[in-house]
Amino acid sequence: MNSIYDDFALITLSTYNLSGLDLDQTKALHEISKEIEENFIGINKDTAKQTRHKTIGVLGSTAEDYTEYNVEIDSGRNIICGIRHMNLNKDFPFVTLETNFKSSKAEILDVYQKHLSSYFEVFQPKWIRYYTKERNELNMTGSCYLVQQSNKIYESKHFTHKNRIKLYSPKDDDYFQWYVDGYKAFNEKVPELAVHVSSNSFELMDECNKEGLLKLVEYQGQLIGLIAADRSEFLGAKGLYFNEIFLTEAYKGKGLAKEVQRDFILEVCKDNEIVWGTIDYKNQASYRTALSNDRKPIRFENFVSL
């Protein structure tokens, strides 16, 4: 390791609980350092700042206000920070940060007020975001990383609905409107989750489909859901990242999501890939499904109110 981002990578790695996962720590640190650097450079490109400014449209802001900063707090201690908006909603601004030093919640708030707040005044952020390996009940919890090795999932026992579920690739793009309509119905039924749990873009789902990693779910001859993923490394290890596991309302709460996930993993995973994904902690149904397939919660997104 010889990058200016290596110290940040060490702290970031400490926010993962990797107990029981067979991962190469040196490789993991290298991948984290590279990702931090690529994100920092990418977000600071003029085109990226201009696009974010145009898309979010915060009154009084300029493209330069979307700059990602590397701020020296004191000798040897730096923070990388920038503005974000939850689901691109201008009414949900927060500051995300990464440090190259271990810090507490109280210290993060103190450092923000003394050194960082002036960078983000135009956005009037409501929260600071940072990550921990365990959930802090005193913070608002955002998403959670849920991770497991594929063989530990598909070697488990068959479930109640085995052989009544069929997974198949869509023949055309008609599935997408059906999927969007399904989410619309869900968000109308549970409006408090609408800002946190929503449908993915056609571009993302189409890319999953082109990789052979989007499957429609049929149960007893009835279309009831959709599951989609892409191949994405996890800390340098081969990985399968879940983008979507969706079931229509009539088929939720019956244990079907657990079996759909397992059958999909059995069908598409290569060797012993890491199966992972992030689930909004408020979406407890999806969270419990992941837990039931032995996926482990290993990293939590924290929002601290300003």
C-alpha atoms as a PDB file:
ATOM      1  CA  MET A   1       0.000   0.000   0.000  1.00  0.00           C
ATOM      2  CA  ASN A   2       1.466   3.363  -0.982  1.00  0.00           C
ATOM      3  CA  SER A   3      -1.466   5.677  -1.667  1.00  0.00           C
ATOM      4  CA  ILE A   4      -2.491   8.790   0.266  1.00  0.00           C
ATOM      5  CA  TYR A   5      -5.795   6.977   0.740  1.00  0.00           C
ATOM      6  CA  ASP A   6      -4.290   3.966   2.520  1.00  0.00           C
ATOM      7  CA  ASP A   7      -4.833   5.375   6.013  1.00  0.00           C
ATOM      8  CA  PHE A   8      -8.474   6.004   5.121  1.00  0.00           C
ATOM      9  CA  ALA A   9      -8.706   2.401   3.920  1.00  0.00           C
ATOM     10  CA  LEU A  10      -7.463   1.078   7.266  1.00  0.00           C
ATOM     11  CA  ILE A  11     -10.159   2.975   9.142  1.00  0.00           C
ATOM     12  CA  THR A  12     -12.839   1.972   6.625  1.00  0.00           C
ATOM     13  CA  LEU A  13     -11.901  -1.713   6.920  1.00  0.00           C
ATOM     14  CA  SER A  14     -12.361  -1.437  10.693  1.00  0.00           C
ATOM     15  CA  THR A  15     -16.042  -0.600  10.084  1.00  0.00           C
ATOM     16  CA  TYR A  16     -16.658  -4.140   8.744  1.00  0.00           C
ATOM     17  CA  ASN A  17     -17.188  -7.165  10.991  1.00  0.00           C
ATOM     18  CA  LEU A  18     -15.461  -9.804   8.860  1.00  0.00           C
ATOM     19  CA  SER A  19     -15.507 -12.594  11.448  1.00  0.00           C
ATOM     20  CA  GLY A  20     -16.144 -15.937   9.765  1.00  0.00           C
ATOM     21  CA  LEU A  21     -15.455 -14.671   6.245  1.00  0.00           C
ATOM     22  CA  ASP A  22     -12.374 -15.991   4.496  1.00  0.00           C
ATOM     23  CA  LEU A  23     -11.002 -12.758   3.020  1.00  0.00           C
ATOM     24  CA  ASP A  24      -7.504 -11.572   2.160  1.00  0.00           C
ATOM     25  CA  GLN A  25      -7.034  -8.452   4.307  1.00  0.00           C
ATOM     26  CA  THR A  26      -4.184  -7.061   2.195  1.00  0.00           C
ATOM     27  CA  LYS A  27      -6.282  -7.365  -0.930  1.00  0.00           C
ATOM     28  CA  ALA A  28      -9.283  -5.869   0.874  1.00  0.00           C
ATOM     29  CA  LEU A  29      -7.265  -2.837   1.948  1.00  0.00           C
ATOM     30  CA  HIS A  30      -5.975  -2.348  -1.578  1.00  0.00           C
ATOM     31  CA  GLU A  31      -9.503  -2.465  -3.028  1.00  0.00           C
ATOM     32  CA  ILE A  32     -10.871  -0.034  -0.433  1.00  0.00           C
ATOM     33  CA  SER A  33      -8.019   2.413  -1.017  1.00  0.00           C
ATOM     34  CA  LYS A  34      -8.554   2.233  -4.784  1.00  0.00           C
ATOM     35  CA  GLU A  35     -12.304   2.741  -4.409  1.00  0.00           C
ATOM     36  CA  ILE A  36     -11.871   5.795  -2.160  1.00  0.00           C
ATOM     37  CA  GLU A  37      -9.437   7.323  -4.641  1.00  0.00           C
ATOM     38  CA  GLU A  38     -11.628   6.594  -7.672  1.00  0.00           C
ATOM     39  CA  ASN A  39     -14.716   7.994  -5.956  1.00  0.00           C
ATOM     40  CA  PHE A  40     -12.879  11.137  -4.873  1.00  0.00           C
ATOM     41  CA  ILE A  41     -11.547  11.790  -8.369  1.00  0.00           C
ATOM     42  CA  GLY A  42     -14.827  10.873 -10.072  1.00  0.00           C
ATOM     43  CA  ILE A  43     -17.061  13.018  -7.897  1.00  0.00           C
ATOM     44  CA  ASN A  44     -14.729  16.003  -8.372  1.00  0.00           C
ATOM     45  CA  LYS A  45     -14.889  15.906 -12.156  1.00  0.00           C
ATOM     46  CA  ASP A  46     -16.576  19.024 -13.533  1.00  0.00           C
ATOM     47  CA  THR A  47     -19.116  16.953 -15.445  1.00  0.00           C
ATOM     48  CA  ALA A  48     -20.093  15.046 -12.287  1.00  0.00           C
ATOM     49  CA  LYS A  49     -20.530  18.236 -10.255  1.00  0.00           C
ATOM     50  CA  GLN A  50     -22.548  19.884 -12.989  1.00  0.00           C
ATOM     51  CA  THR A  51     -24.806  16.840 -13.335  1.00  0.00           C
ATOM     52  CA  ARG A  52     -25.469  16.647  -9.605  1.00  0.00           C
ATOM     53  CA  HIS A  53     -26.181  20.378  -9.444  1.00  0.00           C
ATOM     54  CA  LYS A  54     -28.630  20.160 -12.333  1.00  0.00           C
ATOM     55  CA  THR A  55     -30.318  16.974 -11.091  1.00  0.00           C
ATOM     56  CA  ILE A  56     -30.842  17.942  -7.459  1.00  0.00           C
ATOM     57  CA  GLY A  57     -31.484  21.641  -7.988  1.00  0.00           C
ATOM     58  CA  VAL A  58     -30.885  23.130  -4.539  1.00  0.00           C
ATOM     59  CA  LEU A  59     -31.788  26.830  -4.618  1.00  0.00           C
ATOM     60  CA  GLY A  60     -28.727  29.091  -4.370  1.00  0.00           C
ATOM     61  CA  SER A  61     -26.203  26.304  -4.985  1.00  0.00           C
ATOM     62  CA  THR A  62     -23.592  26.107  -7.737  1.00  0.00           C
ATOM     63  CA  ALA A  63     -21.841  23.143  -9.316  1.00  0.00           C
ATOM     64  CA  GLU A  64     -18.745  23.902  -7.231  1.00  0.00           C
ATOM     65  CA  ASP A  65     -20.729  23.383  -4.050  1.00  0.00           C
ATOM     66  CA  TYR A  66     -20.755  19.667  -4.953  1.00  0.00           C
ATOM     67  CA  THR A  67     -16.979  19.436  -4.558  1.00  0.00           C
ATOM     68  CA  GLU A  68     -15.639  16.554  -2.485  1.00  0.00           C
ATOM     69  CA  TYR A  69     -13.116  17.844   0.056  1.00  0.00           C
ATOM     70  CA  ASN A  70     -10.059  16.361   1.749  1.00  0.00           C
ATOM     71  CA  VAL A  71      -9.762  18.539   4.850  1.00  0.00           C
ATOM     72  CA  GLU A  72      -6.770  18.489   7.193  1.00  0.00           C
ATOM     73  CA  ILE A  73      -8.042  18.781  10.764  1.00  0.00           C
ATOM     74  CA  ASP A  74      -4.601  18.878  12.306  1.00  0.00           C
ATOM     75  CA  SER A  75      -1.226  17.323  11.604  1.00  0.00           C
ATOM     76  CA  GLY A  76      -1.790  13.897  10.020  1.00  0.00           C
ATOM     77  CA  ARG A  77      -5.559  13.825  10.577  1.00  0.00           C
ATOM     78  CA  ASN A  78      -7.765  14.275   7.530  1.00  0.00           C
ATOM     79  CA  ILE A  79     -11.434  13.937   6.629  1.00  0.00           C
ATOM     80  CA  ILE A  80     -12.855  13.314   3.162  1.00  0.00           C
ATOM     81  CA  CYS A  81     -16.333  14.809   3.053  1.00  0.00           C
ATOM     82  CA  GLY A  82     -19.058  15.801   0.639  1.00  0.00           C
ATOM     83  CA  ILE A  83     -22.762  16.524   0.318  1.00  0.00           C
ATOM     84  CA  ARG A  84     -25.277  13.806  -0.540  1.00  0.00           C
ATOM     85  CA  HIS A  85     -29.049  13.684  -0.917  1.00  0.00           C
ATOM     86  CA  MET A  86     -31.017  10.578  -0.005  1.00  0.00           C
ATOM     87  CA  ASN A  87     -32.472   9.149  -3.231  1.00  0.00           C
ATOM     88  CA  LEU A  88     -31.495  12.452  -4.923  1.00  0.00           C
ATOM     89  CA  ASN A  89     -34.160  14.251  -2.873  1.00  0.00           C
ATOM     90  CA  LYS A  90     -33.120  17.854  -2.194  1.00  0.00           C
ATOM     91  CA  ASP A  91     -35.134  17.810   1.044  1.00  0.00           C
ATOM     92  CA  PHE A  92     -32.927  15.060   2.534  1.00  0.00           C
ATOM     93  CA  PRO A  93     -29.379  16.479   2.511  1.00  0.00           C
ATOM     94  CA  PHE A  94     -26.591  14.891   4.533  1.00  0.00           C
ATOM     95  CA  VAL A  95     -22.820  15.086   4.750  1.00  0.00           C
ATOM     96  CA  THR A  96     -20.886  11.886   4.245  1.00  0.00           C
ATOM     97  CA  LEU A  97     -17.414  11.570   5.641  1.00  0.00           C
ATOM     98  CA  GLU A  98     -14.458   9.238   5.911  1.00  0.00           C
ATOM     99  CA  THR A  99     -11.547   9.724   8.284  1.00  0.00           C
ATOM    100  CA  ASN A 100      -7.962   8.500   8.431  1.00  0.00           C
ATOM    101  CA  PHE A 101      -8.215   8.302  12.223  1.00  0.00           C
ATOM    102  CA  LYS A 102     -10.446   6.540  14.731  1.00  0.00           C
ATOM    103  CA  SER A 103     -13.146   8.800  16.086  1.00  0.00           C
ATOM    104  CA  SER A 104     -16.249   8.840  18.252  1.00  0.00           C
ATOM    105  CA  LYS A 105     -19.692  10.201  17.487  1.00  0.00           C
ATOM    106  CA  ALA A 106     -19.058  13.192  19.765  1.00  0.00           C
ATOM    107  CA  GLU A 107     -15.749  13.939  18.054  1.00  0.00           C
ATOM    108  CA  ILE A 108     -17.328  13.724  14.601  1.00  0.00           C
ATOM    109  CA  LEU A 109     -19.967  16.297  15.569  1.00  0.00           C
ATOM    110  CA  ASP A 110     -17.345  18.566  17.119  1.00  0.00           C
ATOM    111  CA  VAL A 111     -15.054  18.352  14.094  1.00  0.00           C
ATOM    112  CA  TYR A 112     -17.951  19.051  11.762  1.00  0.00           C
ATOM    113  CA  GLN A 113     -18.973  22.224  13.552  1.00  0.00           C
ATOM    114  CA  LYS A 114     -15.383  23.520  13.866  1.00  0.00           C
ATOM    115  CA  HIS A 115     -13.919  22.550  10.506  1.00  0.00           C
ATOM    116  CA  LEU A 116     -16.510  21.408   7.956  1.00  0.00           C
ATOM    117  CA  SER A 117     -19.872  23.169   8.322  1.00  0.00           C
ATOM    118  CA  SER A 118     -18.856  26.208   6.248  1.00  0.00           C
ATOM    119  CA  TYR A 119     -18.411  24.013   3.152  1.00  0.00           C
ATOM    120  CA  PHE A 120     -22.051  22.922   3.152  1.00  0.00           C
ATOM    121  CA  GLU A 121     -24.057  25.911   4.422  1.00  0.00           C
ATOM    122  CA  VAL A 122     -26.021  26.319   1.190  1.00  0.00           C
ATOM    123  CA  PHE A 123     -27.471  22.805   1.582  1.00  0.00           C
ATOM    124  CA  GLN A 124     -28.442  23.096   5.266  1.00  0.00           C
ATOM    125  CA  PRO A 125     -27.651  19.399   5.860  1.00  0.00           C
ATOM    126  CA  LYS A 126     -29.698  17.548   8.435  1.00  0.00           C
ATOM    127  CA  TRP A 127     -27.347  14.650   9.186  1.00  0.00           C
ATOM    128  CA  ILE A 128     -23.801  13.369   9.109  1.00  0.00           C
ATOM    129  CA  ARG A 129     -23.315   9.855   7.762  1.00  0.00           C
ATOM    130  CA  TYR A 130     -20.659   7.405   8.897  1.00  0.00           C
ATOM    131  CA  TYR A 131     -20.323   3.602   9.221  1.00  0.00           C
ATOM    132  CA  THR A 132     -19.812   1.164  12.095  1.00  0.00           C
ATOM    133  CA  LYS A 133     -19.476  -2.609  12.343  1.00  0.00           C
ATOM    134  CA  GLU A 134     -22.306  -2.808  14.877  1.00  0.00           C
ATOM    135  CA  ARG A 135     -25.641  -1.053  15.019  1.00  0.00           C
ATOM    136  CA  ASN A 136     -25.836   1.986  17.304  1.00  0.00           C
ATOM    137  CA  GLU A 137     -29.377   2.251  18.600  1.00  0.00           C
ATOM    138  CA  LEU A 138     -28.852   5.922  19.470  1.00  0.00           C
ATOM    139  CA  ASN A 139     -28.361   6.809  15.784  1.00  0.00           C
ATOM    140  CA  MET A 140     -30.779   6.630  12.893  1.00  0.00           C
ATOM    141  CA  THR A 141     -29.799   3.460  11.048  1.00  0.00           C
ATOM    142  CA  GLY A 142     -29.741   3.591   7.252  1.00  0.00           C
ATOM    143  CA  SER A 143     -28.676   0.605   5.211  1.00  0.00           C
ATOM    144  CA  CYS A 144     -26.987  -2.545   6.444  1.00  0.00           C
ATOM    145  CA  TYR A 145     -24.480  -4.746   4.613  1.00  0.00           C
ATOM    146  CA  LEU A 146     -25.595  -8.399   4.742  1.00  0.00           C
ATOM    147  CA  VAL A 147     -22.978 -10.896   3.604  1.00  0.00           C
ATOM    148  CA  GLN A 148     -22.373 -14.640   3.375  1.00  0.00           C
ATOM    149  CA  GLN A 149     -20.418 -17.147   1.320  1.00  0.00           C
ATOM    150  CA  SER A 150     -22.655 -18.763  -1.278  1.00  0.00           C
ATOM    151  CA  ASN A 151     -21.929 -22.362  -0.300  1.00  0.00           C
ATOM    152  CA  LYS A 152     -23.153 -21.720   3.248  1.00  0.00           C
ATOM    153  CA  ILE A 153     -26.473 -20.571   1.799  1.00  0.00           C
ATOM    154  CA  TYR A 154     -27.176 -23.180  -0.860  1.00  0.00           C
ATOM    155  CA  GLU A 155     -25.968 -26.111   1.220  1.00  0.00           C
ATOM    156  CA  SER A 156     -28.735 -25.424   3.714  1.00  0.00           C
ATOM    157  CA  LYS A 157     -31.865 -27.572   3.781  1.00  0.00           C
ATOM    158  CA  HIS A 158     -34.640 -27.220   1.204  1.00  0.00           C
ATOM    159  CA  PHE A 159     -37.563 -25.119   2.280  1.00  0.00           C
ATOM    160  CA  THR A 160     -41.310 -25.617   2.255  1.00  0.00           C
ATOM    161  CA  HIS A 161     -41.892 -24.297  -1.263  1.00  0.00           C
ATOM    162  CA  LYS A 162     -39.164 -26.238  -3.048  1.00  0.00           C
ATOM    163  CA  ASN A 163     -40.170 -27.421  -6.562  1.00  0.00           C
ATOM    164  CA  ARG A 164     -43.149 -25.052  -6.690  1.00  0.00           C
ATOM    165  CA  ILE A 165     -40.984 -22.049  -7.612  1.00  0.00           C
ATOM    166  CA  LYS A 166     -39.666 -21.454 -11.125  1.00  0.00           C
ATOM    167  CA  LEU A 167     -37.072 -18.851 -12.090  1.00  0.00           C
ATOM    168  CA  TYR A 168     -36.764 -17.747 -15.712  1.00  0.00           C
ATOM    169  CA  SER A 169     -35.334 -14.901 -17.784  1.00  0.00           C
ATOM    170  CA  PRO A 170     -37.819 -12.403 -19.245  1.00  0.00           C
ATOM    171  CA  LYS A 171     -38.524 -12.637 -22.983  1.00  0.00           C
ATOM    172  CA  ASP A 172     -38.849  -8.847 -23.413  1.00  0.00           C
ATOM    173  CA  ASP A 173     -38.873  -5.604 -21.430  1.00  0.00           C
ATOM    174  CA  ASP A 174     -42.540  -5.755 -20.449  1.00  0.00           C
ATOM    175  CA  TYR A 175     -41.564  -7.034 -17.011  1.00  0.00           C
ATOM    176  CA  PHE A 176     -40.212  -3.608 -16.058  1.00  0.00           C
ATOM    177  CA  GLN A 177     -43.527  -1.764 -16.031  1.00  0.00           C
ATOM    178  CA  TRP A 178     -45.068  -4.635 -14.061  1.00  0.00           C
ATOM    179  CA  TYR A 179     -42.198  -4.289 -11.563  1.00  0.00           C
ATOM    180  CA  VAL A 180     -42.568  -0.471 -11.287  1.00  0.00           C
ATOM    181  CA  ASP A 181     -46.329  -0.798 -10.810  1.00  0.00           C
ATOM    182  CA  GLY A 182     -45.710  -3.333  -8.054  1.00  0.00           C
ATOM    183  CA  TYR A 183     -43.470  -0.908  -6.198  1.00  0.00           C
ATOM    184  CA  LYS A 184     -45.980   1.883  -6.671  1.00  0.00           C
ATOM    185  CA  ALA A 185     -48.618  -0.255  -4.982  1.00  0.00           C
ATOM    186  CA  PHE A 186     -46.206  -1.075  -2.148  1.00  0.00           C
ATOM    187  CA  ASN A 187     -45.230   2.587  -1.622  1.00  0.00           C
ATOM    188  CA  GLU A 188     -48.902   3.604  -1.539  1.00  0.00           C
ATOM    189  CA  LYS A 189     -49.566   0.956   1.091  1.00  0.00           C
ATOM    190  CA  VAL A 190     -46.472   1.819   3.164  1.00  0.00           C
ATOM    191  CA  PRO A 191     -45.764   5.496   2.348  1.00  0.00           C
ATOM    192  CA  GLU A 192     -43.297   5.928   5.211  1.00  0.00           C
ATOM    193  CA  LEU A 193     -40.872   3.642   3.340  1.00  0.00           C
ATOM    194  CA  ALA A 194     -41.220   5.355  -0.041  1.00  0.00           C
ATOM    195  CA  VAL A 195     -38.109   7.517   0.344  1.00  0.00           C
ATOM    196  CA  HIS A 196     -36.067   4.521   1.528  1.00  0.00           C
ATOM    197  CA  VAL A 197     -37.396   1.602  -0.551  1.00  0.00           C
ATOM    198  CA  SER A 198     -38.147   2.170  -4.238  1.00  0.00           C
ATOM    199  CA  SER A 199     -37.805   0.528  -7.641  1.00  0.00           C
ATOM    200  CA  ASN A 200     -34.508   0.521  -9.513  1.00  0.00           C
ATOM    201  CA  SER A 201     -33.929   2.187 -12.873  1.00  0.00           C
ATOM    202  CA  PHE A 202     -34.521   0.344 -16.130  1.00  0.00           C
ATOM    203  CA  GLU A 203     -30.822   0.830 -16.984  1.00  0.00           C
ATOM    204  CA  LEU A 204     -29.703  -1.063 -13.870  1.00  0.00           C
ATOM    205  CA  MET A 205     -32.228  -3.854 -14.289  1.00  0.00           C
ATOM    206  CA  ASP A 206     -31.461  -4.188 -17.993  1.00  0.00           C
ATOM    207  CA  GLU A 207     -27.773  -4.575 -17.219  1.00  0.00           C
ATOM    208  CA  CYS A 208     -28.584  -7.352 -14.730  1.00  0.00           C
ATOM    209  CA  ASN A 209     -30.747  -9.013 -17.373  1.00  0.00           C
ATOM    210  CA  LYS A 210     -28.001  -8.854 -19.996  1.00  0.00           C
ATOM    211  CA  GLU A 211     -25.675 -10.630 -17.557  1.00  0.00           C
ATOM    212  CA  GLY A 212     -28.255 -13.396 -17.097  1.00  0.00           C
ATOM    213  CA  LEU A 213     -28.746 -12.246 -13.513  1.00  0.00           C
ATOM    214  CA  LEU A 214     -32.356 -11.079 -13.622  1.00  0.00           C
ATOM    215  CA  LYS A 215     -35.027 -13.729 -13.180  1.00  0.00           C
ATOM    216  CA  LEU A 216     -38.782 -13.557 -12.974  1.00  0.00           C
ATOM    217  CA  VAL A 217     -40.340 -15.680 -10.254  1.00  0.00           C
ATOM    218  CA  GLU A 218     -43.258 -17.989 -10.968  1.00  0.00           C
ATOM    219  CA  TYR A 219     -45.097 -19.823  -8.201  1.00  0.00           C
ATOM    220  CA  GLN A 220     -47.681 -22.459  -9.053  1.00  0.00           C
ATOM    221  CA  GLY A 221     -47.927 -20.984 -12.558  1.00  0.00           C
ATOM    222  CA  GLN A 222     -48.383 -17.381 -11.366  1.00  0.00           C
ATOM    223  CA  LEU A 223     -45.886 -14.525 -11.866  1.00  0.00           C
ATOM    224  CA  ILE A 224     -45.218 -13.300  -8.338  1.00  0.00           C
ATOM    225  CA  GLY A 225     -41.843 -11.581  -8.287  1.00  0.00           C
ATOM    226  CA  LEU A 226     -38.442 -10.711  -9.605  1.00  0.00           C
ATOM    227  CA  ILE A 227     -34.856 -11.130  -8.426  1.00  0.00           C
ATOM    228  CA  ALA A 228     -31.805  -9.359  -9.870  1.00  0.00           C
ATOM    229  CA  ALA A 229     -28.090  -9.132  -9.148  1.00  0.00           C
ATOM    230  CA  ASP A 230     -24.753  -8.281 -10.710  1.00  0.00           C
ATOM    231  CA  ARG A 231     -21.261  -9.612 -10.294  1.00  0.00           C
ATOM    232  CA  SER A 232     -19.504  -7.203  -7.985  1.00  0.00           C
ATOM    233  CA  GLU A 233     -16.426  -7.947  -5.908  1.00  0.00           C
ATOM    234  CA  PHE A 234     -16.648  -7.685  -2.148  1.00  0.00           C
ATOM    235  CA  LEU A 235     -13.420  -6.298  -0.665  1.00  0.00           C
ATOM    236  CA  GLY A 236     -11.440  -7.914  -3.466  1.00  0.00           C
ATOM    237  CA  ALA A 237     -13.209 -11.294  -3.375  1.00  0.00           C
ATOM    238  CA  LYS A 238     -15.510 -12.619  -6.121  1.00  0.00           C
ATOM    239  CA  GLY A 239     -19.006 -11.487  -5.290  1.00  0.00           C
ATOM    240  CA  LEU A 240     -22.648 -11.461  -6.282  1.00  0.00           C
ATOM    241  CA  TYR A 241     -24.451  -8.254  -5.305  1.00  0.00           C
ATOM    242  CA  PHE A 242     -28.231  -8.323  -4.884  1.00  0.00           C
ATOM    243  CA  ASN A 243     -29.926  -5.325  -6.478  1.00  0.00           C
ATOM    244  CA  GLU A 244     -33.488  -6.515  -6.048  1.00  0.00           C
ATOM    245  CA  ILE A 245     -35.667  -9.172  -4.479  1.00  0.00           C
ATOM    246  CA  PHE A 246     -39.288  -8.223  -5.109  1.00  0.00           C
ATOM    247  CA  LEU A 247     -42.523 -10.122  -4.456  1.00  0.00           C
ATOM    248  CA  THR A 248     -46.072  -8.912  -5.031  1.00  0.00           C
ATOM    249  CA  GLU A 249     -48.053  -8.124  -1.882  1.00  0.00           C
ATOM    250  CA  ALA A 250     -50.221 -11.251  -2.020  1.00  0.00           C
ATOM    251  CA  TYR A 251     -47.163 -13.507  -1.776  1.00  0.00           C
ATOM    252  CA  LYS A 252     -45.211 -11.775   0.965  1.00  0.00           C
ATOM    253  CA  GLY A 253     -44.921 -13.253   4.429  1.00  0.00           C
ATOM    254  CA  LYS A 254     -45.110 -16.859   3.227  1.00  0.00           C
ATOM    255  CA  GLY A 255     -41.412 -17.756   3.277  1.00  0.00           C
ATOM    256  CA  LEU A 256     -41.175 -17.535  -0.508  1.00  0.00           C
ATOM    257  CA  ALA A 257     -38.506 -14.808  -0.624  1.00  0.00           C
ATOM    258  CA  LYS A 258     -36.147 -17.034   1.341  1.00  0.00           C
ATOM    259  CA  GLU A 259     -36.488 -19.882  -1.156  1.00  0.00           C
ATOM    260  CA  VAL A 260     -36.315 -17.580  -4.201  1.00  0.00           C
ATOM    261  CA  GLN A 261     -33.043 -16.144  -2.967  1.00  0.00           C
ATOM    262  CA  ARG A 262     -31.577 -19.561  -2.277  1.00  0.00           C
ATOM    263  CA  ASP A 263     -32.612 -21.037  -5.636  1.00  0.00           C
ATOM    264  CA  PHE A 264     -31.199 -18.014  -7.462  1.00  0.00           C
ATOM    265  CA  ILE A 265     -27.856 -18.400  -5.660  1.00  0.00           C
ATOM    266  CA  LEU A 266     -27.770 -22.109  -6.460  1.00  0.00           C
ATOM    267  CA  GLU A 267     -28.413 -21.376 -10.134  1.00  0.00           C
ATOM    268  CA  VAL A 268     -26.064 -18.449 -10.804  1.00  0.00           C
ATOM    269  CA  CYS A 269     -23.209 -18.447  -8.277  1.00  0.00           C
ATOM    270  CA  LYS A 270     -19.784 -19.549  -9.474  1.00  0.00           C
ATOM    271  CA  ASP A 271     -17.341 -21.316  -7.166  1.00  0.00           C
ATOM    272  CA  ASN A 272     -17.821 -19.927  -3.660  1.00  0.00           C
ATOM    273  CA  GLU A 273     -18.725 -16.316  -4.316  1.00  0.00           C
ATOM    274  CA  ILE A 274     -19.503 -13.838  -1.591  1.00  0.00           C
ATOM    275  CA  VAL A 275     -23.227 -13.064  -1.671  1.00  0.00           C
ATOM    276  CA  TRP A 276     -23.859  -9.549  -0.458  1.00  0.00           C
ATOM    277  CA  GLY A 277     -26.155  -6.572  -0.621  1.00  0.00           C
ATOM    278  CA  THR A 278     -27.335  -3.562   1.314  1.00  0.00           C
ATOM    279  CA  ILE A 279     -30.825  -3.413   2.783  1.00  0.00           C
ATOM    280  CA  ASP A 280     -32.442  -0.387   4.383  1.00  0.00           C
ATOM    281  CA  TYR A 281     -32.821  -1.278   8.043  1.00  0.00           C
ATOM    282  CA  LYS A 282     -36.383   0.088   8.009  1.00  0.00           C
ATOM    283  CA  ASN A 283     -37.287  -2.607   5.488  1.00  0.00           C
ATOM    284  CA  GLN A 284     -37.475  -5.270   8.169  1.00  0.00           C
ATOM    285  CA  ALA A 285     -39.174  -7.865   5.964  1.00  0.00           C
ATOM    286  CA  SER A 286     -36.211  -7.929   3.544  1.00  0.00           C
ATOM    287  CA  TYR A 287     -33.772  -7.734   6.439  1.00  0.00           C
ATOM    288  CA  ARG A 288     -35.293 -10.803   8.105  1.00  0.00           C
ATOM    289  CA  THR A 289     -35.292 -12.713   4.807  1.00  0.00           C
ATOM    290  CA  ALA A 290     -31.551 -12.100   4.432  1.00  0.00           C
ATOM    291  CA  LEU A 291     -30.960 -13.242   8.009  1.00  0.00           C
ATOM    292  CA  SER A 292     -32.997 -16.405   7.412  1.00  0.00           C
ATOM    293  CA  ASN A 293     -30.557 -17.352   4.642  1.00  0.00           C
ATOM    294  CA  ASP A 294     -27.660 -16.930   7.071  1.00  0.00           C
ATOM    295  CA  ARG A 295     -26.475 -13.637   5.615  1.00  0.00           C
ATOM    296  CA  LYS A 296     -24.687 -11.738   8.376  1.00  0.00           C
ATOM    297  CA  PRO A 297     -25.144  -8.029   9.179  1.00  0.00           C
ATOM    298  CA  ILE A 298     -21.553  -6.786   9.135  1.00  0.00           C
ATOM    299  CA  ARG A 299     -21.710  -3.024   8.551  1.00  0.00           C
ATOM    300  CA  PHE A 300     -24.249  -0.326   9.426  1.00  0.00           C
ATOM    301  CA  GLU A 301     -24.862   3.097   7.949  1.00  0.00           C
ATOM    302  CA  ASN A 302     -25.377   5.691  10.706  1.00  0.00           C
ATOM    303  CA  PHE A 303     -27.051   9.084  10.442  1.00  0.00           C
ATOM    304  CA  VAL A 304     -26.325  11.559  13.228  1.00  0.00           C
ATOM    305  CA  SER A 305     -28.648  14.530  13.497  1.00  0.00           C
ATOM    306  CA  LEU A 306     -27.084  17.993  13.236  1.00  0.00           C
END
